PDB file of N, CA and C in Angstrom:
ATOM      1  N   MET A   1      14.402 -16.782 -20.752  1.00  0.00           N
ATOM      2  CA  MET A   1      14.363 -16.018 -19.821  1.00  0.00           C
ATOM      3  C   MET A   1      13.668 -14.511 -20.236  1.00  0.00           C
ATOM      4  N   ALA A   2      14.263 -14.093 -21.349  1.00  0.00           N
ATOM      5  CA  ALA A   2      13.786 -12.977 -21.369  1.00  0.00           C
ATOM      6  C   ALA A   2      12.395 -12.346 -21.688  1.00  0.00           C
ATOM      7  N   ASP A   3      11.467 -13.569 -22.176  1.00  0.00           N
ATOM      8  CA  ASP A   3      10.082 -13.504 -22.149  1.00  0.00           C
ATOM      9  C   ASP A   3       9.798 -13.641 -20.509  1.00  0.00           C
ATOM     10  N   LEU A   4      10.076 -14.240 -19.787  1.00  0.00           N
ATOM     11  CA  LEU A   4       9.672 -14.417 -18.392  1.00  0.00           C
ATOM     12  C   LEU A   4       9.942 -12.872 -17.691  1.00  0.00           C
ATOM     13  N   ASN A   5      11.228 -12.572 -18.272  1.00  0.00           N
ATOM     14  CA  ASN A   5      11.379 -10.927 -17.503  1.00  0.00           C
ATOM     15  C   ASN A   5      10.237 -10.210 -17.925  1.00  0.00           C
ATOM     16  N   ALA A   6      10.118 -10.283 -19.297  1.00  0.00           N
ATOM     17  CA  ALA A   6       8.878  -9.008 -19.831  1.00  0.00           C
ATOM     18  C   ALA A   6       7.828  -9.445 -19.285  1.00  0.00           C
ATOM     19  N   VAL A   7       7.349 -10.332 -18.964  1.00  0.00           N
ATOM     20  CA  VAL A   7       5.960 -10.613 -18.271  1.00  0.00           C
ATOM     21  C   VAL A   7       6.110 -10.158 -17.001  1.00  0.00           C
ATOM     22  N   ARG A   8       7.238 -10.269 -16.021  1.00  0.00           N
ATOM     23  CA  ARG A   8       7.719 -10.351 -14.940  1.00  0.00           C
ATOM     24  C   ARG A   8       7.348  -8.795 -14.352  1.00  0.00           C
ATOM     25  N   SER A   9       8.054  -7.921 -16.061  1.00  0.00           N
ATOM     26  CA  SER A   9       7.941  -6.199 -15.871  1.00  0.00           C
ATOM     27  C   SER A   9       6.647  -5.663 -16.001  1.00  0.00           C
ATOM     28  N   LEU A  10       6.066  -6.496 -17.000  1.00  0.00           N
ATOM     29  CA  LEU A  10       4.738  -6.325 -17.563  1.00  0.00           C
ATOM     30  C   LEU A  10       3.567  -6.094 -16.275  1.00  0.00           C
ATOM     31  N   VAL A  11       3.757  -6.975 -15.221  1.00  0.00           N
ATOM     32  CA  VAL A  11       2.709  -7.590 -14.400  1.00  0.00           C
ATOM     33  C   VAL A  11       3.325  -6.459 -13.250  1.00  0.00           C
ATOM     34  N   GLN A  12       4.405  -6.365 -13.075  1.00  0.00           N
ATOM     35  CA  GLN A  12       5.194  -5.559 -11.891  1.00  0.00           C
ATOM     36  C   GLN A  12       4.221  -3.976 -12.198  1.00  0.00           C
ATOM     37  N   GLU A  13       4.159  -3.603 -13.941  1.00  0.00           N
ATOM     38  CA  GLU A  13       3.739  -1.839 -13.967  1.00  0.00           C
ATOM     39  C   GLU A  13       2.431  -2.222 -14.045  1.00  0.00           C
ATOM     40  N   ALA A  14       1.806  -3.478 -14.184  1.00  0.00           N
ATOM     41  CA  ALA A  14       0.172  -3.184 -14.021  1.00  0.00           C
ATOM     42  C   ALA A  14      -0.287  -2.929 -12.860  1.00  0.00           C
ATOM     43  N   ILE A  15       0.352  -3.719 -11.817  1.00  0.00           N
ATOM     44  CA  ILE A  15       0.079  -3.757 -10.646  1.00  0.00           C
ATOM     45  C   ILE A  15       0.405  -2.506  -9.571  1.00  0.00           C
ATOM     46  N   ASP A  16       1.303  -1.646 -10.630  1.00  0.00           N
ATOM     47  CA  ASP A  16       1.841  -0.480  -9.925  1.00  0.00           C
ATOM     48  C   ASP A  16       0.862   0.886 -10.637  1.00  0.00           C
ATOM     49  N   LYS A  17       0.310   0.700 -11.579  1.00  0.00           N
ATOM     50  CA  LYS A  17      -0.635   1.429 -12.164  1.00  0.00           C
ATOM     51  C   LYS A  17      -1.984   1.139 -11.454  1.00  0.00           C
ATOM     52  N   GLY A  18      -2.591  -0.214 -11.775  1.00  0.00           N
ATOM     53  CA  GLY A  18      -3.521  -0.152 -11.058  1.00  0.00           C
ATOM     54  C   GLY A  18      -3.955   0.358  -9.591  1.00  0.00           C
ATOM     55  N   ALA A  19      -2.865   0.200  -8.420  1.00  0.00           N
ATOM     56  CA  ALA A  19      -2.803   0.401  -7.357  1.00  0.00           C
ATOM     57  C   ALA A  19      -2.924   2.462  -7.201  1.00  0.00           C
ATOM     58  N   THR A  20      -2.067   2.830  -8.471  1.00  0.00           N
ATOM     59  CA  THR A  20      -2.546   4.226  -8.073  1.00  0.00           C
ATOM     60  C   THR A  20      -3.968   4.901  -8.685  1.00  0.00           C
ATOM     61  N   SER A  21      -4.435   4.156  -9.162  1.00  0.00           N
ATOM     62  CA  SER A  21      -5.649   4.359  -9.995  1.00  0.00           C
ATOM     63  C   SER A  21      -6.937   4.406  -9.075  1.00  0.00           C
ATOM     64  N   VAL A  22      -6.425   2.942  -8.202  1.00  0.00           N
ATOM     65  CA  VAL A  22      -7.831   2.491  -6.926  1.00  0.00           C
ATOM     66  C   VAL A  22      -7.383   3.530  -6.241  1.00  0.00           C
ATOM     67  N   GLU A  23      -6.075   3.774  -5.606  1.00  0.00           N
ATOM     68  CA  GLU A  23      -6.090   4.896  -5.015  1.00  0.00           C
ATOM     69  C   GLU A  23      -6.487   6.195  -5.174  1.00  0.00           C
ATOM     70  N   GLU A  24      -6.576   7.055  -6.080  1.00  0.00           N
ATOM     71  CA  GLU A  24      -7.113   8.075  -6.589  1.00  0.00           C
ATOM     72  C   GLU A  24      -8.597   7.885  -6.202  1.00  0.00           C
ATOM     73  N   VAL A  25      -9.511   6.950  -6.535  1.00  0.00           N
ATOM     74  CA  VAL A  25     -10.904   6.330  -6.670  1.00  0.00           C
ATOM     75  C   VAL A  25     -11.036   6.222  -5.231  1.00  0.00           C
ATOM     76  N   HIS A  26     -10.381   5.814  -4.202  1.00  0.00           N
ATOM     77  CA  HIS A  26     -10.721   5.745  -3.016  1.00  0.00           C
ATOM     78  C   HIS A  26     -10.204   6.535  -2.806  1.00  0.00           C
ATOM     79  N   ARG A  27      -9.523   7.703  -2.430  1.00  0.00           N
ATOM     80  CA  ARG A  27      -9.592   8.829  -1.887  1.00  0.00           C
ATOM     81  C   ARG A  27     -10.372  10.025  -2.546  1.00  0.00           C
ATOM     82  N   SER A  28     -11.034   9.732  -3.924  1.00  0.00           N
ATOM     83  CA  SER A  28     -11.933  10.456  -3.882  1.00  0.00           C
ATOM     84  C   SER A  28     -13.349  10.567  -3.265  1.00  0.00           C
ATOM     85  N   ILE A  29     -13.525   8.748  -3.055  1.00  0.00           N
ATOM     86  CA  ILE A  29     -14.989   8.404  -2.755  1.00  0.00           C
ATOM     87  C   ILE A  29     -14.819   8.545  -0.804  1.00  0.00           C
ATOM     88  N   ALA A  30     -13.488   8.368  -0.158  1.00  0.00           N
ATOM     89  CA  ALA A  30     -13.503   8.833   0.985  1.00  0.00           C
ATOM     90  C   ALA A  30     -13.769   9.967   1.454  1.00  0.00           C
ATOM     91  N   ALA A  31     -13.163  10.985   0.361  1.00  0.00           N
ATOM     92  CA  ALA A  31     -13.320  12.242   0.789  1.00  0.00           C
ATOM     93  C   ALA A  31     -14.938  13.173   0.948  1.00  0.00           C
ATOM     94  N   MET A  32     -15.731  11.979  -0.071  1.00  0.00           N
ATOM     95  CA  MET A  32     -16.940  12.832  -0.154  1.00  0.00           C
ATOM     96  C   MET A  32     -17.775  13.211   1.535  1.00  0.00           C
ATOM     97  N   PRO A  33     -17.808  12.166   2.168  1.00  0.00           N
ATOM     98  CA  PRO A  33     -18.661  12.640   3.717  1.00  0.00           C
ATOM     99  C   PRO A  33     -18.097  13.431   4.216  1.00  0.00           C
ATOM    100  N   LEU A  34     -16.744  13.654   4.265  1.00  0.00           N
ATOM    101  CA  LEU A  34     -15.879  14.202   5.219  1.00  0.00           C
ATOM    102  C   LEU A  34     -16.304  15.857   4.341  1.00  0.00           C
ATOM    103  N   GLU A  35     -16.285  16.403   3.467  1.00  0.00           N
ATOM    104  CA  GLU A  35     -16.680  17.128   2.671  1.00  0.00           C
ATOM    105  C   GLU A  35     -18.152  17.651   3.021  1.00  0.00           C
ATOM    106  N   ALA A  36     -18.868  16.940   3.245  1.00  0.00           N
ATOM    107  CA  ALA A  36     -20.095  17.110   4.110  1.00  0.00           C
ATOM    108  C   ALA A  36     -20.074  17.627   5.456  1.00  0.00           C
ATOM    109  N   LEU A  37     -19.484  16.967   6.252  1.00  0.00           N
ATOM    110  CA  LEU A  37     -19.203  17.153   7.693  1.00  0.00           C
ATOM    111  C   LEU A  37     -18.458  18.402   7.982  1.00  0.00           C
ATOM    112  N   LYS A  38     -17.349  18.621   6.576  1.00  0.00           N
ATOM    113  CA  LYS A  38     -16.990  20.013   6.703  1.00  0.00           C
ATOM    114  C   LYS A  38     -18.165  21.358   6.724  1.00  0.00           C
ATOM    115  N   LYS A  39     -19.084  20.918   6.609  1.00  0.00           N
ATOM    116  CA  LYS A  39     -20.017  21.975   6.395  1.00  0.00           C
ATOM    117  C   LYS A  39     -20.791  22.545   7.966  1.00  0.00           C
ATOM    118  N   ILE A  40     -20.316  21.397   8.362  1.00  0.00           N
ATOM    119  CA  ILE A  40     -20.972  21.273  10.162  1.00  0.00           C
ATOM    120  C   ILE A  40     -19.955  20.982  11.167  1.00  0.00           C
ATOM    121  N   ALA A  41     -18.822  20.655  10.834  1.00  0.00           N
ATOM    122  CA  ALA A  41     -17.792  20.718  11.898  1.00  0.00           C
ATOM    123  C   ALA A  41     -16.487  20.584  11.462  1.00  0.00           C
ATOM    124  N   PRO A  42     -16.206  22.299  10.353  1.00  0.00           N
ATOM    125  CA  PRO A  42     -14.679  22.067   9.731  1.00  0.00           C
ATOM    126  C   PRO A  42     -13.408  21.603  10.635  1.00  0.00           C
ATOM    127  N   GLY A  43     -13.361  21.991  11.848  1.00  0.00           N
ATOM    128  CA  GLY A  43     -12.163  21.124  12.591  1.00  0.00           C
ATOM    129  C   GLY A  43     -11.914  19.392  12.364  1.00  0.00           C
ATOM    130  N   PRO A  44     -13.256  19.309  13.024  1.00  0.00           N
ATOM    131  CA  PRO A  44     -13.147  17.957  13.033  1.00  0.00           C
ATOM    132  C   PRO A  44     -12.728  17.410  11.628  1.00  0.00           C
ATOM    133  N   ALA A  45     -13.456  17.554  10.969  1.00  0.00           N
ATOM    134  CA  ALA A  45     -13.639  17.306   9.262  1.00  0.00           C
ATOM    135  C   ALA A  45     -12.570  17.166   8.688  1.00  0.00           C
ATOM    136  N   THR A  46     -11.267  18.406   9.037  1.00  0.00           N
ATOM    137  CA  THR A  46     -10.432  18.718   8.174  1.00  0.00           C
ATOM    138  C   THR A  46      -9.391  17.510   8.857  1.00  0.00           C
ATOM    139  N   MET A  47      -9.343  17.510  10.864  1.00  0.00           N
ATOM    140  CA  MET A  47      -8.723  16.296  11.365  1.00  0.00           C
ATOM    141  C   MET A  47      -8.618  15.450  10.255  1.00  0.00           C
ATOM    142  N   ALA A  48      -9.789  14.616  10.651  1.00  0.00           N
ATOM    143  CA  ALA A  48      -9.746  13.338   9.814  1.00  0.00           C
ATOM    144  C   ALA A  48      -9.709  13.214   8.648  1.00  0.00           C
ATOM    145  N   GLN A  49      -9.693  13.770   7.976  1.00  0.00           N
ATOM    146  CA  GLN A  49      -9.661  13.767   6.476  1.00  0.00           C
ATOM    147  C   GLN A  49      -8.041  14.120   6.285  1.00  0.00           C
ATOM    148  N   GLY A  50      -7.671  15.023   6.848  1.00  0.00           N
ATOM    149  CA  GLY A  50      -5.438  14.601   7.327  1.00  0.00           C
ATOM    150  C   GLY A  50      -5.672  13.680   7.201  1.00  0.00           C
ATOM    151  N   LEU A  51      -5.694  12.593   8.363  1.00  0.00           N
ATOM    152  CA  LEU A  51      -5.742  11.337   8.683  1.00  0.00           C
ATOM    153  C   LEU A  51      -5.694  10.311   7.917  1.00  0.00           C
ATOM    154  N   GLN A  52      -7.075  10.869   7.315  1.00  0.00           N
ATOM    155  CA  GLN A  52      -7.743   9.910   6.268  1.00  0.00           C
ATOM    156  C   GLN A  52      -6.249   9.374   5.117  1.00  0.00           C
ATOM    157  N   ASP A  53      -5.889  10.505   4.628  1.00  0.00           N
ATOM    158  CA  ASP A  53      -5.301  11.155   3.833  1.00  0.00           C
ATOM    159  C   ASP A  53      -4.239  10.400   3.823  1.00  0.00           C
ATOM    160  N   GLN A  54      -3.758  10.466   5.033  1.00  0.00           N
ATOM    161  CA  GLN A  54      -2.233  10.197   5.424  1.00  0.00           C
ATOM    162  C   GLN A  54      -2.209   8.367   5.474  1.00  0.00           C
ATOM    163  N   THR A  55      -3.438   7.451   6.018  1.00  0.00           N
ATOM    164  CA  THR A  55      -3.437   6.516   6.020  1.00  0.00           C
ATOM    165  C   THR A  55      -3.942   5.826   4.578  1.00  0.00           C
ATOM    166  N   ILE A  56      -4.508   6.235   4.054  1.00  0.00           N
ATOM    167  CA  ILE A  56      -4.870   5.910   2.187  1.00  0.00           C
ATOM    168  C   ILE A  56      -3.356   5.634   1.465  1.00  0.00           C
ATOM    169  N   GLY A  57      -2.744   7.177   1.984  1.00  0.00           N
ATOM    170  CA  GLY A  57      -1.577   7.152   1.319  1.00  0.00           C
ATOM    171  C   GLY A  57      -0.504   5.712   1.295  1.00  0.00           C
ATOM    172  N   THR A  58      -0.184   5.332   2.814  1.00  0.00           N
ATOM    173  CA  THR A  58       0.537   4.599   3.643  1.00  0.00           C
ATOM    174  C   THR A  58       0.221   3.115   3.199  1.00  0.00           C
ATOM    175  N   VAL A  59      -1.242   2.729   3.089  1.00  0.00           N
ATOM    176  CA  VAL A  59      -1.652   1.406   2.418  1.00  0.00           C
ATOM    177  C   VAL A  59      -0.443   1.315   0.850  1.00  0.00           C
ATOM    178  N   TYR A  60      -1.384   2.197   0.083  1.00  0.00           N
ATOM    179  CA  TYR A  60      -0.687   2.180  -1.746  1.00  0.00           C
ATOM    180  C   TYR A  60       0.634   2.662  -1.531  1.00  0.00           C
ATOM    181  N   ASP A  61       1.130   3.011  -0.734  1.00  0.00           N
ATOM    182  CA  ASP A  61       2.604   3.252  -1.107  1.00  0.00           C
ATOM    183  C   ASP A  61       3.336   1.983  -0.770  1.00  0.00           C
ATOM    184  N   THR A  62       2.871   1.108   0.214  1.00  0.00           N
ATOM    185  CA  THR A  62       3.296  -0.152   0.848  1.00  0.00           C
ATOM    186  C   THR A  62       2.930  -1.237   0.012  1.00  0.00           C
ATOM    187  N   ILE A  63       1.559  -1.110  -0.755  1.00  0.00           N
ATOM    188  CA  ILE A  63       1.715  -2.253  -1.821  1.00  0.00           C
ATOM    189  C   ILE A  63       2.337  -2.117  -2.778  1.00  0.00           C
ATOM    190  N   ARG A  64       2.787  -0.701  -3.280  1.00  0.00           N
ATOM    191  CA  ARG A  64       3.482  -0.351  -4.672  1.00  0.00           C
ATOM    192  C   ARG A  64       4.986  -0.836  -3.893  1.00  0.00           C
ATOM    193  N   GLY A  65       5.325  -0.856  -3.033  1.00  0.00           N
ATOM    194  CA  GLY A  65       6.847  -1.307  -2.478  1.00  0.00           C
ATOM    195  C   GLY A  65       6.726  -2.353  -2.185  1.00  0.00           C
ATOM    196  N   LEU A  66       6.089  -3.446  -1.575  1.00  0.00           N
ATOM    197  CA  LEU A  66       5.748  -4.943  -1.850  1.00  0.00           C
ATOM    198  C   LEU A  66       5.967  -5.156  -3.398  1.00  0.00           C
ATOM    199  N   ASN A  67       4.630  -4.936  -4.208  1.00  0.00           N
ATOM    200  CA  ASN A  67       4.931  -4.966  -5.583  1.00  0.00           C
ATOM    201  C   ASN A  67       6.191  -5.081  -6.274  1.00  0.00           C
ATOM    202  N   GLU A  68       7.260  -3.752  -5.717  1.00  0.00           N
ATOM    203  CA  GLU A  68       8.661  -3.754  -6.408  1.00  0.00           C
ATOM    204  C   GLU A  68       9.224  -4.732  -5.649  1.00  0.00           C
ATOM    205  N   GLN A  69       9.609  -4.611  -4.024  1.00  0.00           N
ATOM    206  CA  GLN A  69      10.036  -6.056  -3.890  1.00  0.00           C
ATOM    207  C   GLN A  69       9.820  -7.232  -4.591  1.00  0.00           C
ATOM    208  N   ALA A  70       8.919  -7.450  -4.540  1.00  0.00           N
ATOM    209  CA  ALA A  70       8.662  -9.045  -5.457  1.00  0.00           C
ATOM    210  C   ALA A  70       8.901  -9.160  -6.492  1.00  0.00           C
ATOM    211  N   GLY A  71       9.075  -7.739  -7.645  1.00  0.00           N
ATOM    212  CA  GLY A  71       9.728  -7.467  -8.670  1.00  0.00           C
ATOM    213  C   GLY A  71      11.588  -8.084  -8.580  1.00  0.00           C
ATOM    214  N   GLN A  72      11.934  -7.683  -7.986  1.00  0.00           N
ATOM    215  CA  GLN A  72      13.264  -7.629  -7.510  1.00  0.00           C
ATOM    216  C   GLN A  72      13.429  -9.019  -7.208  1.00  0.00           C
ATOM    217  N   ILE A  73      13.057  -9.803  -6.369  1.00  0.00           N
ATOM    218  CA  ILE A  73      13.238 -11.468  -6.474  1.00  0.00           C
ATOM    219  C   ILE A  73      12.913 -12.012  -7.270  1.00  0.00           C
ATOM    220  N   ALA A  74      11.551 -11.772  -8.132  1.00  0.00           N
ATOM    221  CA  ALA A  74      11.420 -12.454  -9.444  1.00  0.00           C
ATOM    222  C   ALA A  74      12.468 -12.321 -10.573  1.00  0.00           C
ATOM    223  N   GLU A  75      12.761 -11.186 -10.528  1.00  0.00           N
ATOM    224  CA  GLU A  75      14.021 -10.902 -11.073  1.00  0.00           C
ATOM    225  C   GLU A  75      15.352 -11.537 -10.895  1.00  0.00           C
ATOM    226  N   ARG A  76      15.784 -11.827  -9.831  1.00  0.00           N
ATOM    227  CA  ARG A  76      16.890 -12.519  -9.443  1.00  0.00           C
ATOM    228  C   ARG A  76      16.852 -14.048  -9.657  1.00  0.00           C
ATOM    229  N   LEU A  77      15.431 -14.625  -9.372  1.00  0.00           N
ATOM    230  CA  LEU A  77      15.149 -15.678  -9.961  1.00  0.00           C
ATOM    231  C   LEU A  77      15.031 -15.989 -10.854  1.00  0.00           C
ATOM    232  N   LEU A  78      14.792 -15.247 -11.610  1.00  0.00           N
ATOM    233  CA  LEU A  78      14.513 -15.575 -13.531  1.00  0.00           C
ATOM    234  C   LEU A  78      15.918 -15.294 -13.821  1.00  0.00           C
ATOM    235  N   GLY A  79      17.178 -14.752 -13.418  1.00  0.00           N
ATOM    236  CA  GLY A  79      18.363 -14.826 -13.429  1.00  0.00           C
ATOM    237  C   GLY A  79      18.449 -12.850 -13.977  1.00  0.00           C
ATOM    238  N   GLY A  80      17.691 -12.215 -13.758  1.00  0.00           N
ATOM    239  CA  GLY A  80      18.086 -10.313 -14.590  1.00  0.00           C
ATOM    240  C   GLY A  80      19.271  -9.939 -14.058  1.00  0.00           C
ATOM    241  N   SER A  81      19.501  -9.497 -14.483  1.00  0.00           N
ATOM    242  CA  SER A  81      21.360  -8.523 -14.040  1.00  0.00           C
ATOM    243  C   SER A  81      20.685  -7.348 -13.865  1.00  0.00           C
ATOM    244  N   SER A  82      19.822  -6.622 -13.561  1.00  0.00           N
ATOM    245  CA  SER A  82      19.513  -5.529 -13.114  1.00  0.00           C
ATOM    246  C   SER A  82      18.762  -5.119 -11.657  1.00  0.00           C
ATOM    247  N   ALA A  83      18.608  -6.005 -11.170  1.00  0.00           N
ATOM    248  CA  ALA A  83      18.225  -6.108  -9.777  1.00  0.00           C
ATOM    249  C   ALA A  83      18.819  -5.849  -8.351  1.00  0.00           C
ATOM    250  N   SER A  84      18.429  -4.701  -7.757  1.00  0.00           N
ATOM    251  CA  SER A  84      19.339  -4.052  -6.941  1.00  0.00           C
ATOM    252  C   SER A  84      19.233  -4.638  -5.903  1.00  0.00           C
ATOM    253  N   PRO A  85      19.837  -4.977  -4.363  1.00  0.00           N
ATOM    254  CA  PRO A  85      19.095  -5.704  -3.293  1.00  0.00           C
ATOM    255  C   PRO A  85      18.734  -4.496  -2.423  1.00  0.00           C
ATOM    256  N   SER A  86      17.687  -5.017  -1.883  1.00  0.00           N
ATOM    257  CA  SER A  86      16.971  -3.983  -0.865  1.00  0.00           C
ATOM    258  C   SER A  86      17.983  -3.663   0.433  1.00  0.00           C
ATOM    259  N   ALA A  87      18.264  -2.455   0.844  1.00  0.00           N
ATOM    260  CA  ALA A  87      18.193  -2.372   2.512  1.00  0.00           C
ATOM    261  C   ALA A  87      17.239  -3.192   3.655  1.00  0.00           C
ATOM    262  N   GLY A  88      17.521  -3.880   4.644  1.00  0.00           N
ATOM    263  CA  GLY A  88      16.580  -4.060   5.620  1.00  0.00           C
ATOM    264  C   GLY A  88      16.184  -5.468   5.350  1.00  0.00           C
TER     265      GLY A  88
END
């Protein structure tokens, strides 16, 4: 079981790091048109960028949260001792 828990941990860490990397790229690419738009209409572009940043953050926070929950479920199924039940 230790090997399976090690694989679970490795996969969970890879997903978490991957989501963070993709989020950074997503934010960078998504900001490009809004940066150009700020030169024409700074107010609306700034508001749109704030909403966009919040939305992107929420999506990737959700992915990381689901990954954590999946890891906890897998750990319990594999008989791991350090799983903590999540509220909700």
